[in-house]
Amino acid sequence: MTHSSDQKMDQSANLGLRRRIRWWPVAVILVLAAGAVIWVWQSYGRQRQDRNIATAIIGVFTLFLLLLWCLFLSRLRWRVRLGVFGGVLGLILLVMALFRFHGVTGDLVPVFQWRWEPPSLASLDERTKPVLSPVAASLNEFTNDYPQFLGPHRNSMVEQPRLARDWKAQAPQRLWLHAVGPGWSGFAVAGSRAITQEQRGENEAVICYDLLCGAPIWSYAYPAHFQSPLAGEGPRATPTVAGQRVYALGSTGILNCLDWETGKLLWSKDIMRDNQAKVDEWGVSCSPLIADDLVVVSAGGRDNRSLVAYRAATGDFVWGSGTDGAGYSSPCLVTLAGVDQILIFNSGGVSAHDPATGTNLWKYHWPGGHPHVSMPIVIPDDRLLVSSGYGVGSELLKIQRDSAGQFAATRIWKSNRLKAKFTNLIYRDGYIYGLDDGIMVCLDASSGELKWKEGRYGHGQEILVGDVLLLTAESGEVLLLDPNPQEPRELTHFSALKGKTWNPPALAGQYLLVRNDKEAACYRLPLASR
């Protein structure tokens, strides 16, 4: 009888202990957290990255409040409280021991990698052996040059070849794949050579590879190193090939002119020091522009040293113009209102300059406080489309010249339906195609009206190849899209690389070159039947 009473008393005590645990604060914390997340994704901010950051803050604060509840308000036994606290602390330390922070995605989601993975190639000799296709050595088909950033005309458009639209029936052939040093540069292709920039330890390097097998032909390295937690590591700009010379601008502002055949240094300039400028938080990202006998780059210096030109043959300074800081876009040579001009999207907006003298022809102010990256694109009838991310959107401008020769840039329409963070946009047959904070959209170029929005591909890049749109997604996937204003049409796709891929692709004939900050590859794309 006594034993039975003792058991009942113990059960009553345990029941009383369970009743004394305060669970209602947990419910309140979780409900408030869920409500905050719903509000963030429905009403907060103008861009996805703001919502990601806010959601992460809510998550951390929620975990902190739950730990406070466990330690001071739960009425759990102290050994349970301390066990929970120790378990959370141990889990955090375990994650820190296993993973290394490796930058962020275009939407500012953290990227982690295993700590035992090599962070980068330390020297020019540390390279994995190229993985070669057995057909690579026999391929000698004609290729079109892709000699600079965004292709022959610096507008992400090539007329040929005519690509097959079904990669399941005809799969792309991988000719090679190998590790590369960190960097966000693309490839410039001339003949059978593909040239890019990489970080190798404390050196930046311009490296020339064989297009068909991926073997290194030559390299030029020099002391320079840019790295930041968000921006990542290594050079950003794509080299430019002109004649028998290669022009490459590194992430700290070193402009090198190299011999195309041997990689020998012909001349070098520090455009930051020469123009009293400074490296911005995401590094120097300008791909050099060749205009007649000049090489033009965005330095961002004051006192008429924002956009500068050097003699392409010798590196001698020729002209400087403008006072705005540098953006992350590159100069391009266009014709507007019947006049050749160099456009640059810098920190203050879009400026146009006379190619021979640098004289500022006109300027259009653009909201600041965020990176200006995407290249302005020329649309028929002397119109210019300008776009940026971070909630700003796009504007279509009309460029006119009066009888006195004075230029004016007038806005036709403005829309926040297309916010090109660092993708470069495409115009085709009256419509604009591009990634709006990572989602593909189509706008009517005449009005800015949204035709459709579908397909989250992240912050990748695109090339218009004849009548199809070739897209490299941020995930490393390559897709073909039909640029149709009536509806989105994804034709085919394949996985080309693994990991975050921000680098612009290059298409030389049917050879597609893709890379990111870890690896590079060349694929032979199937052609359509004639």
Protein backbone atom coordinates (compact mmCIF):
# COMPACT_ATOMS: atom_id res chain seq x y z
CA MET A 1 0.00 0.00 0.00
CA THR A 2 2.81 2.34 0.95
CA HIS A 3 4.75 1.50 -2.25
CA SER A 4 1.70 2.27 -4.40
CA SER A 5 1.23 5.61 -2.66
CA ASP A 6 4.87 6.51 -3.25
CA GLN A 7 4.49 5.77 -6.96
CA LYS A 8 1.40 7.96 -7.16
CA MET A 9 3.20 10.77 -5.39
CA ASP A 10 6.15 10.50 -7.80
CA GLN A 11 3.81 10.55 -10.79
CA SER A 12 2.01 13.56 -9.35
CA ALA A 13 5.34 15.31 -8.80
CA ASN A 14 6.47 14.61 -12.35
CA LEU A 15 3.12 15.78 -13.69
CA GLY A 16 3.41 18.93 -11.62
CA LEU A 17 6.93 19.52 -12.98
CA ARG A 18 5.69 19.19 -16.54
CA ARG A 19 2.86 21.59 -15.80
CA ARG A 20 5.29 24.11 -14.38
CA ILE A 21 7.30 24.33 -17.66
CA ARG A 22 6.40 27.61 -19.37
CA TRP A 23 5.63 26.71 -22.96
CA TRP A 24 3.58 29.77 -23.80
CA PRO A 25 6.65 32.02 -24.41
CA VAL A 26 7.85 29.53 -27.06
CA ALA A 27 4.49 29.75 -28.82
CA VAL A 28 4.58 33.56 -28.68
CA ILE A 29 8.15 33.71 -30.04
CA LEU A 30 7.40 31.31 -32.92
CA VAL A 31 4.14 33.03 -33.88
CA LEU A 32 5.81 36.44 -33.88
CA ALA A 33 8.73 35.08 -35.91
CA ALA A 34 6.40 33.49 -38.47
CA GLY A 35 4.40 36.70 -38.73
CA ALA A 36 7.58 38.73 -39.21
CA VAL A 37 8.79 36.41 -42.01
CA ILE A 38 5.41 36.61 -43.77
CA TRP A 39 5.47 40.42 -43.53
CA VAL A 40 9.03 40.57 -44.86
CA TRP A 41 8.23 38.49 -47.96
CA GLN A 42 4.97 40.30 -48.67
CA SER A 43 5.71 43.92 -47.84
CA TYR A 44 9.33 44.59 -46.91
CA GLY A 45 11.96 46.01 -49.25
CA ARG A 46 12.16 46.32 -53.02
CA GLN A 47 14.57 43.48 -53.70
CA ARG A 48 15.09 39.86 -52.82
CA GLN A 49 18.42 40.41 -51.09
CA ASP A 50 16.80 42.79 -48.56
CA ARG A 51 14.26 40.11 -47.71
CA ASN A 52 16.96 37.45 -47.40
CA ILE A 53 18.91 39.63 -44.99
CA ALA A 54 15.80 40.45 -42.95
CA THR A 55 14.82 36.76 -42.80
CA ALA A 56 18.30 35.81 -41.58
CA ILE A 57 18.13 38.48 -38.86
CA ILE A 58 14.72 37.20 -37.76
CA GLY A 59 16.09 33.65 -37.62
CA VAL A 60 19.09 34.61 -35.49
CA PHE A 61 16.97 36.75 -33.15
CA THR A 62 14.41 33.95 -32.80
CA LEU A 63 17.11 31.45 -31.86
CA PHE A 64 18.52 33.94 -29.35
CA LEU A 65 15.09 34.42 -27.72
CA LEU A 66 14.50 30.66 -27.54
CA LEU A 67 17.85 30.23 -25.79
CA LEU A 68 16.94 32.97 -23.31
CA TRP A 69 13.64 31.20 -22.67
CA CYS A 70 15.39 27.88 -22.14
CA LEU A 71 17.93 29.34 -19.71
CA PHE A 72 15.79 31.72 -17.66
CA LEU A 73 12.06 31.24 -18.23
CA SER A 74 11.44 27.58 -19.07
CA ARG A 75 11.62 26.11 -15.52
CA LEU A 76 13.40 23.09 -16.97
CA ARG A 77 15.96 21.40 -14.77
CA TRP A 78 19.26 23.25 -14.89
CA ARG A 79 21.13 20.29 -16.28
CA VAL A 80 18.65 20.22 -19.17
CA ARG A 81 19.04 23.96 -19.73
CA LEU A 82 22.81 23.79 -19.72
CA GLY A 83 22.69 20.71 -21.94
CA VAL A 84 20.61 22.55 -24.55
CA PHE A 85 22.89 25.59 -24.40
CA GLY A 86 25.99 23.42 -24.72
CA GLY A 87 24.46 21.49 -27.62
CA VAL A 88 23.68 24.68 -29.55
CA LEU A 89 27.14 26.07 -28.87
CA GLY A 90 28.73 22.78 -29.90
CA LEU A 91 26.71 22.68 -33.12
CA ILE A 92 27.88 26.21 -33.99
CA LEU A 93 31.50 25.27 -33.33
CA LEU A 94 31.11 22.07 -35.39
CA VAL A 95 29.75 24.03 -38.37
CA MET A 96 32.63 26.51 -38.06
CA ALA A 97 35.11 23.63 -37.98
CA LEU A 98 33.63 21.86 -41.02
CA PHE A 99 32.76 24.75 -43.32
CA ARG A 100 34.47 27.85 -44.70
CA PHE A 101 32.56 31.00 -45.72
CA HIS A 102 32.90 31.37 -49.48
CA GLY A 103 31.11 34.58 -50.33
CA VAL A 104 27.46 35.08 -51.18
CA THR A 105 25.06 34.51 -54.03
CA GLY A 106 23.67 37.39 -56.05
CA ASP A 107 20.82 37.56 -53.53
CA LEU A 108 23.28 37.73 -50.60
CA VAL A 109 22.64 34.17 -49.42
CA PRO A 110 25.86 32.89 -47.76
CA VAL A 111 27.83 30.22 -49.63
CA PHE A 112 29.89 27.69 -47.66
CA GLN A 113 32.38 25.05 -48.71
CA TRP A 114 34.08 22.20 -46.86
CA ARG A 115 37.23 23.33 -45.09
CA TRP A 116 39.27 20.52 -46.62
CA GLU A 117 38.51 21.76 -50.14
CA PRO A 118 41.45 23.82 -51.44
CA PRO A 119 40.32 27.48 -51.41
CA SER A 120 42.17 28.38 -54.60
CA LEU A 121 45.08 27.48 -56.83
CA ALA A 122 48.18 28.83 -55.13
CA SER A 123 50.47 29.02 -58.13
CA LEU A 124 50.53 28.66 -61.88
CA ASP A 125 51.89 25.12 -61.54
CA GLU A 126 49.04 23.85 -59.33
CA ARG A 127 46.44 22.77 -61.86
CA THR A 128 44.31 19.70 -62.28
CA LYS A 129 44.94 17.85 -65.50
CA PRO A 130 42.40 18.80 -68.19
CA VAL A 131 39.63 16.26 -68.68
CA LEU A 132 39.70 15.75 -72.45
CA SER A 133 37.06 14.38 -74.74
CA PRO A 134 38.44 11.75 -77.15
CA VAL A 135 37.17 13.86 -80.05
CA ALA A 136 38.85 17.07 -78.93
CA ALA A 137 42.11 16.60 -80.79
CA SER A 138 40.37 16.03 -84.11
CA LEU A 139 38.18 19.11 -84.05
CA ASN A 140 39.31 21.84 -86.39
CA GLU A 141 36.00 23.47 -87.32
CA PHE A 142 35.80 27.14 -88.10
CA THR A 143 35.22 29.39 -85.08
CA ASN A 144 34.12 32.99 -84.86
CA ASP A 145 36.22 35.19 -82.62
CA TYR A 146 34.72 36.42 -79.36
CA PRO A 147 37.53 38.89 -78.70
CA GLN A 148 36.20 40.92 -75.78
CA PHE A 149 33.63 41.31 -73.04
CA LEU A 150 30.12 40.50 -74.39
CA GLY A 151 31.39 39.53 -77.82
CA PRO A 152 32.45 41.18 -81.09
CA HIS A 153 30.14 44.18 -80.70
CA ARG A 154 30.13 44.30 -76.88
CA ASN A 155 26.36 43.78 -76.81
CA SER A 156 25.94 40.03 -76.00
CA MET A 157 24.83 39.28 -79.55
CA VAL A 158 26.26 37.02 -82.26
CA GLU A 159 24.57 36.18 -85.55
CA GLN A 160 26.05 32.70 -85.98
CA PRO A 161 25.97 29.75 -85.58
CA ARG A 162 22.48 28.31 -85.77
CA LEU A 163 22.22 26.10 -82.69
CA ALA A 164 20.24 22.90 -82.32
CA ARG A 165 17.28 23.41 -79.99
CA ASP A 166 17.16 19.98 -78.37
CA TRP A 167 20.19 18.99 -76.29
CA LYS A 168 18.66 15.66 -75.33
CA ALA A 169 18.58 14.54 -78.96
CA GLN A 170 22.02 16.08 -79.57
CA ALA A 171 23.97 16.54 -76.35
CA PRO A 172 26.70 19.20 -76.01
CA GLN A 173 30.17 17.60 -75.94
CA ARG A 174 32.51 18.57 -73.15
CA LEU A 175 35.96 19.05 -74.64
CA TRP A 176 37.71 19.87 -71.37
CA LEU A 177 37.16 20.82 -67.77
CA HIS A 178 39.81 21.89 -65.26
CA ALA A 179 40.35 23.92 -62.14
CA VAL A 180 41.20 27.61 -62.42
CA GLY A 181 42.21 30.27 -59.96
CA PRO A 182 39.57 32.53 -58.38
CA GLY A 183 38.18 35.44 -60.34
CA TRP A 184 35.07 36.66 -62.15
CA SER A 185 36.66 37.31 -65.54
CA GLY A 186 35.24 35.78 -68.71
CA PHE A 187 37.12 34.47 -71.75
CA ALA A 188 38.21 36.40 -74.83
CA VAL A 189 38.63 34.10 -77.82
CA ALA A 190 40.76 34.76 -80.90
CA GLY A 191 41.47 31.90 -83.28
CA SER A 192 42.31 28.79 -81.29
CA ARG A 193 43.19 30.70 -78.11
CA ALA A 194 41.05 31.55 -75.09
CA ILE A 195 42.36 34.15 -72.62
CA THR A 196 41.11 34.92 -69.12
CA GLN A 197 42.31 36.28 -65.76
CA GLU A 198 42.77 34.36 -62.50
CA GLN A 199 44.11 34.84 -59.00
CA ARG A 200 47.11 32.63 -58.19
CA GLY A 201 48.13 33.12 -54.59
CA GLU A 202 49.31 36.70 -54.21
CA ASN A 203 49.57 37.18 -57.98
CA GLU A 204 47.02 38.05 -60.60
CA ALA A 205 47.57 36.19 -63.84
CA VAL A 206 46.51 36.59 -67.45
CA ILE A 207 46.41 33.06 -68.88
CA CYS A 208 46.05 31.88 -72.46
CA TYR A 209 44.55 28.40 -72.99
CA ASP A 210 44.20 26.27 -76.09
CA LEU A 211 40.54 26.48 -77.06
CA LEU A 212 40.13 22.82 -78.00
CA CYS A 213 42.05 21.01 -75.27
CA GLY A 214 42.34 23.53 -72.44
CA ALA A 215 46.11 23.27 -72.18
CA PRO A 216 47.84 26.47 -71.02
CA ILE A 217 49.86 28.14 -73.77
CA TRP A 218 51.31 31.06 -71.82
CA SER A 219 50.72 33.08 -68.68
CA TYR A 220 51.74 36.45 -67.32
CA ALA A 221 51.61 36.98 -63.54
CA TYR A 222 52.25 40.07 -61.43
CA PRO A 223 51.81 40.95 -57.71
CA ALA A 224 48.21 42.02 -57.04
CA HIS A 225 45.45 40.64 -54.85
CA PHE A 226 41.89 41.82 -54.23
CA GLN A 227 39.61 39.99 -51.81
CA SER A 228 36.61 40.85 -49.67
CA PRO A 229 34.02 38.70 -47.85
CA LEU A 230 31.13 39.67 -50.15
CA ALA A 231 32.92 40.45 -53.41
CA GLY A 232 35.11 37.37 -53.36
CA GLU A 233 38.64 37.06 -54.65
CA GLY A 234 40.50 37.76 -57.86
CA PRO A 235 40.27 39.80 -61.07
CA ARG A 236 36.89 40.76 -62.48
CA ALA A 237 37.38 42.11 -65.98
CA THR A 238 37.47 40.14 -69.23
CA PRO A 239 40.59 40.70 -71.38
CA THR A 240 40.34 42.33 -74.81
CA VAL A 241 42.16 40.97 -77.88
CA ALA A 242 42.95 43.46 -80.65
CA GLY A 243 45.32 42.53 -83.44
CA GLN A 244 48.36 40.85 -81.94
CA ARG A 245 47.84 42.31 -78.48
CA VAL A 246 45.93 41.47 -75.31
CA TYR A 247 44.71 44.19 -72.93
CA ALA A 248 43.77 43.13 -69.42
CA LEU A 249 42.75 45.23 -66.41
CA GLY A 250 43.19 43.65 -62.98
CA SER A 251 41.05 44.06 -59.89
CA THR A 252 43.43 46.59 -58.30
CA GLY A 253 43.71 48.75 -61.41
CA ILE A 254 46.80 47.38 -63.20
CA LEU A 255 46.33 47.69 -66.98
CA ASN A 256 48.63 45.35 -68.91
CA CYS A 257 49.30 45.14 -72.63
CA LEU A 258 50.66 41.72 -73.65
CA ASP A 259 51.85 40.10 -76.84
CA TRP A 260 49.13 37.76 -78.09
CA GLU A 261 51.61 35.19 -79.34
CA THR A 262 53.91 34.88 -76.31
CA GLY A 263 52.27 36.67 -73.37
CA LYS A 264 55.27 38.99 -73.07
CA LEU A 265 54.55 42.28 -71.28
CA LEU A 266 54.67 45.24 -73.70
CA TRP A 267 53.59 47.97 -71.29
CA SER A 268 51.76 48.40 -67.99
CA LYS A 269 49.89 51.21 -66.21
CA ASP A 270 48.46 51.58 -62.72
CA ILE A 271 45.29 53.48 -63.59
CA MET A 272 44.42 54.05 -59.92
CA ARG A 273 47.72 55.76 -59.14
CA ASP A 274 47.98 57.59 -62.47
CA ASN A 275 44.50 59.10 -62.12
CA GLN A 276 44.40 59.59 -58.34
CA ALA A 277 41.52 57.15 -57.98
CA LYS A 278 40.74 54.40 -55.50
CA VAL A 279 39.61 50.80 -55.75
CA ASP A 280 35.90 50.47 -54.91
CA GLU A 281 34.43 47.88 -52.56
CA TRP A 282 33.80 45.30 -55.33
CA GLY A 283 37.14 45.79 -57.11
CA VAL A 284 38.01 47.22 -60.51
CA SER A 285 35.68 45.55 -63.02
CA CYS A 286 36.11 47.49 -66.27
CA SER A 287 36.97 45.49 -69.41
CA PRO A 288 39.24 47.60 -71.69
CA LEU A 289 37.72 49.07 -74.85
CA ILE A 290 39.76 49.50 -78.04
CA ALA A 291 38.64 52.56 -80.03
CA ASP A 292 40.84 53.11 -83.10
CA ASP A 293 44.37 53.43 -81.68
CA LEU A 294 43.25 54.01 -78.08
CA VAL A 295 42.52 51.75 -75.13
CA VAL A 296 39.79 53.27 -72.94
CA VAL A 297 39.09 52.34 -69.31
CA SER A 298 37.03 53.67 -66.42
CA ALA A 299 39.39 54.85 -63.68
CA GLY A 300 37.02 56.96 -61.58
CA GLY A 301 39.55 59.70 -60.90
CA ARG A 302 38.68 63.33 -60.24
CA ASP A 303 39.76 66.40 -62.22
CA ASN A 304 38.77 65.01 -65.62
CA ARG A 305 40.20 61.56 -64.96
CA SER A 306 37.01 59.51 -64.63
CA LEU A 307 37.17 57.97 -68.11
CA VAL A 308 40.71 57.80 -69.53
CA ALA A 309 42.36 56.79 -72.78
CA TYR A 310 45.90 55.52 -73.41
CA ARG A 311 47.69 54.99 -76.67
CA ALA A 312 47.13 51.32 -77.44
CA ALA A 313 50.60 50.81 -78.89
CA THR A 314 52.67 52.54 -76.20
CA GLY A 315 50.51 53.12 -73.12
CA ASP A 316 51.00 56.90 -73.32
CA PHE A 317 48.20 58.92 -71.74
CA VAL A 318 46.01 60.65 -74.38
CA TRP A 319 42.93 62.11 -72.69
CA GLY A 320 40.78 62.06 -69.58
CA SER A 321 37.25 63.30 -68.95
CA GLY A 322 34.61 63.44 -66.25
CA THR A 323 34.71 63.61 -62.46
CA ASP A 324 32.41 60.76 -61.39
CA GLY A 325 33.70 57.75 -59.52
CA ALA A 326 33.95 54.49 -61.41
CA GLY A 327 31.07 52.08 -61.57
CA TYR A 328 31.36 48.36 -62.34
CA SER A 329 30.36 48.64 -65.98
CA SER A 330 32.64 48.84 -69.04
CA PRO A 331 32.89 51.46 -71.79
CA CYS A 332 31.31 50.72 -75.16
CA LEU A 333 31.53 52.40 -78.55
CA VAL A 334 28.13 53.20 -80.09
CA THR A 335 26.47 55.52 -82.60
CA LEU A 336 23.64 57.72 -81.36
CA ALA A 337 22.04 60.69 -83.15
CA GLY A 338 24.45 60.01 -86.00
CA VAL A 339 27.58 60.51 -83.88
CA ASP A 340 30.09 57.92 -82.68
CA GLN A 341 30.52 58.10 -78.91
CA ILE A 342 31.87 56.12 -75.98
CA LEU A 343 29.32 55.38 -73.26
CA ILE A 344 30.23 54.64 -69.66
CA PHE A 345 27.82 53.80 -66.83
CA ASN A 346 29.73 55.17 -63.85
CA SER A 347 28.77 56.04 -60.28
CA GLY A 348 26.99 59.24 -61.33
CA GLY A 349 25.06 57.89 -64.29
CA VAL A 350 25.56 57.43 -68.02
CA SER A 351 28.10 59.68 -69.74
CA ALA A 352 28.92 59.93 -73.45
CA HIS A 353 32.35 61.01 -74.71
CA ASP A 354 33.96 61.88 -78.02
CA PRO A 355 36.26 58.92 -78.88
CA ALA A 356 39.09 61.10 -80.18
CA THR A 357 39.22 63.82 -77.51
CA GLY A 358 37.21 62.51 -74.57
CA THR A 359 34.97 65.60 -74.62
CA ASN A 360 31.78 64.98 -72.65
CA LEU A 361 28.87 65.03 -75.12
CA TRP A 362 26.01 64.45 -72.68
CA LYS A 363 25.26 62.96 -69.27
CA TYR A 364 22.19 61.38 -67.70
CA HIS A 365 22.02 61.15 -63.91
CA TRP A 366 21.24 57.77 -62.33
CA PRO A 367 20.34 57.05 -58.68
CA GLY A 368 23.43 56.29 -56.61
CA GLY A 369 24.12 54.38 -53.43
CA HIS A 370 24.38 51.01 -55.19
CA PRO A 371 26.63 49.41 -57.84
CA HIS A 372 26.04 50.35 -61.47
CA VAL A 373 26.96 47.25 -63.46
CA SER A 374 24.75 46.33 -66.42
CA MET A 375 25.82 47.75 -69.79
CA PRO A 376 23.44 50.29 -71.38
CA ILE A 377 22.09 48.91 -74.66
CA VAL A 378 21.32 50.80 -77.85
CA ILE A 379 17.87 50.30 -79.37
CA PRO A 380 16.85 51.48 -82.87
CA ASP A 381 15.80 55.11 -83.37
CA ASP A 382 18.55 56.54 -81.14
CA ARG A 383 17.14 55.03 -77.95
CA LEU A 384 19.18 53.78 -75.02
CA LEU A 385 18.09 51.40 -72.27
CA VAL A 386 19.69 51.82 -68.84
CA SER A 387 19.03 49.45 -65.94
CA SER A 388 20.30 48.65 -62.46
CA GLY A 389 19.26 46.42 -59.58
CA TYR A 390 18.74 47.17 -55.89
CA GLY A 391 15.13 48.17 -56.48
CA VAL A 392 15.84 50.89 -59.07
CA GLY A 393 14.71 49.41 -62.41
CA SER A 394 15.04 50.51 -66.04
CA GLU A 395 14.62 53.64 -68.13
CA LEU A 396 14.47 54.10 -71.88
CA LEU A 397 16.12 57.29 -73.11
CA LYS A 398 15.88 59.16 -76.39
CA ILE A 399 19.18 60.73 -77.47
CA GLN A 400 18.75 63.80 -79.68
CA ARG A 401 21.02 66.47 -81.14
CA ASP A 402 19.82 69.99 -81.96
CA SER A 403 20.90 72.29 -84.78
CA ALA A 404 23.67 73.73 -82.61
CA GLY A 405 25.13 70.26 -82.08
CA GLN A 406 24.05 70.00 -78.43
CA PHE A 407 22.90 66.61 -77.17
CA ALA A 408 19.97 65.88 -74.89
CA ALA A 409 18.88 62.64 -73.22
CA THR A 410 15.13 62.50 -72.58
CA ARG A 411 13.32 59.77 -70.71
CA ILE A 412 10.62 57.91 -72.67
CA TRP A 413 9.52 55.54 -69.93
CA LYS A 414 10.56 54.18 -66.55
CA SER A 415 9.79 50.76 -65.06
CA ASN A 416 10.78 48.72 -62.03
CA ARG A 417 9.75 45.54 -63.84
CA LEU A 418 13.34 44.90 -64.97
CA LYS A 419 16.13 45.46 -62.45
CA ALA A 420 19.38 44.23 -63.99
CA LYS A 421 21.68 43.75 -61.02
CA PHE A 422 24.68 42.54 -63.01
CA THR A 423 23.21 40.65 -65.92
CA ASN A 424 23.47 42.31 -69.34
CA LEU A 425 20.22 42.78 -71.22
CA ILE A 426 19.21 41.74 -74.74
CA TYR A 427 17.08 43.60 -77.30
CA ARG A 428 15.37 41.69 -80.12
CA ASP A 429 12.55 42.67 -82.50
CA GLY A 430 11.00 45.33 -80.28
CA TYR A 431 11.36 43.51 -76.95
CA ILE A 432 13.85 43.40 -74.10
CA TYR A 433 14.88 40.19 -72.33
CA GLY A 434 16.80 39.99 -69.07
CA LEU A 435 16.97 38.85 -65.47
CA ASP A 436 14.94 40.93 -63.04
CA ASP A 437 16.63 40.19 -59.71
CA GLY A 438 17.23 36.66 -60.99
CA ILE A 439 13.90 36.00 -62.79
CA MET A 440 13.66 36.15 -66.60
CA VAL A 441 11.33 38.83 -67.92
CA CYS A 442 10.25 40.26 -71.25
CA LEU A 443 9.38 43.96 -71.66
CA ASP A 444 7.87 45.80 -74.59
CA ALA A 445 10.65 48.20 -75.61
CA SER A 446 8.22 50.87 -76.82
CA SER A 447 6.29 51.20 -73.56
CA GLY A 448 8.10 49.28 -70.81
CA GLU A 449 5.03 47.06 -70.43
CA LEU A 450 5.73 43.69 -68.82
CA LYS A 451 4.88 40.87 -71.23
CA TRP A 452 5.83 37.98 -68.95
CA LYS A 453 7.99 37.04 -65.96
CA GLU A 454 8.95 33.43 -65.30
CA GLY A 455 11.96 31.25 -64.49
CA ARG A 456 14.24 31.91 -61.54
CA TYR A 457 17.76 31.48 -62.94
CA GLY A 458 19.63 33.61 -60.42
CA HIS A 459 22.12 36.28 -61.39
CA GLY A 460 23.58 34.82 -64.56
CA GLN A 461 24.39 36.10 -68.06
CA GLU A 462 22.94 35.75 -71.56
CA ILE A 463 23.94 35.79 -75.24
CA LEU A 464 21.55 36.17 -78.16
CA VAL A 465 22.71 33.58 -80.72
CA GLY A 466 20.79 34.20 -83.93
CA ASP A 467 17.20 33.50 -82.93
CA VAL A 468 17.77 31.80 -79.57
CA LEU A 469 18.79 33.08 -76.18
CA LEU A 470 21.66 31.23 -74.49
CA LEU A 471 21.57 31.71 -70.73
CA THR A 472 24.14 30.70 -68.13
CA ALA A 473 22.35 30.50 -64.80
CA GLU A 474 23.96 31.39 -61.49
CA SER A 475 23.86 27.68 -60.62
CA GLY A 476 26.18 26.78 -63.53
CA GLU A 477 23.39 25.41 -65.72
CA VAL A 478 23.24 26.43 -69.40
CA LEU A 479 19.84 26.90 -71.04
CA LEU A 480 18.40 27.77 -74.44
CA LEU A 481 15.33 30.01 -74.43
CA ASP A 482 13.08 31.07 -77.26
CA PRO A 483 12.90 34.90 -77.11
CA ASN A 484 9.15 35.07 -77.65
CA PRO A 485 7.14 38.04 -76.32
CA GLN A 486 3.93 36.00 -76.08
CA GLU A 487 5.10 33.46 -73.50
CA PRO A 488 8.29 32.11 -71.90
CA ARG A 489 9.69 29.08 -73.70
CA GLU A 490 12.57 27.08 -72.29
CA LEU A 491 13.86 24.86 -75.08
CA THR A 492 16.59 22.75 -73.50
CA HIS A 493 19.32 22.80 -70.87
CA PHE A 494 22.32 20.99 -69.39
CA SER A 495 24.57 21.33 -66.35
CA ALA A 496 27.91 22.85 -67.35
CA LEU A 497 29.55 23.77 -64.02
CA LYS A 498 29.02 23.31 -60.32
CA GLY A 499 28.75 26.23 -57.94
CA LYS A 500 28.10 29.96 -58.16
CA THR A 501 28.68 31.14 -61.73
CA TRP A 502 28.73 34.91 -62.22
CA ASN A 503 31.31 35.00 -65.02
CA PRO A 504 30.11 35.97 -68.51
CA PRO A 505 30.20 33.11 -71.04
CA ALA A 506 31.90 33.29 -74.44
CA LEU A 507 30.63 31.65 -77.62
CA ALA A 508 33.19 31.23 -80.42
CA GLY A 509 31.37 29.53 -83.26
CA GLN A 510 29.90 26.43 -81.70
CA TYR A 511 32.38 26.40 -78.81
CA LEU A 512 30.95 27.59 -75.50
CA LEU A 513 33.42 28.65 -72.81
CA VAL A 514 32.12 28.91 -69.25
CA ARG A 515 33.88 29.43 -65.94
CA ASN A 516 33.43 30.51 -62.34
CA ASP A 517 35.85 31.10 -59.50
CA LYS A 518 36.81 27.40 -59.30
CA GLU A 519 36.68 25.74 -62.71
CA ALA A 520 36.42 26.37 -66.43
CA ALA A 521 35.10 24.25 -69.29
CA CYS A 522 34.63 24.23 -73.04
CA TYR A 523 31.61 22.59 -74.69
CA ARG A 524 30.94 21.94 -78.35
CA LEU A 525 27.30 22.82 -78.92
CA PRO A 526 25.35 20.88 -81.57
CA LEU A 527 24.27 22.79 -84.65
CA ALA A 528 20.84 22.79 -86.23
CA SER A 529 20.36 20.73 -89.35
CA ARG A 530 20.45 22.80 -92.50
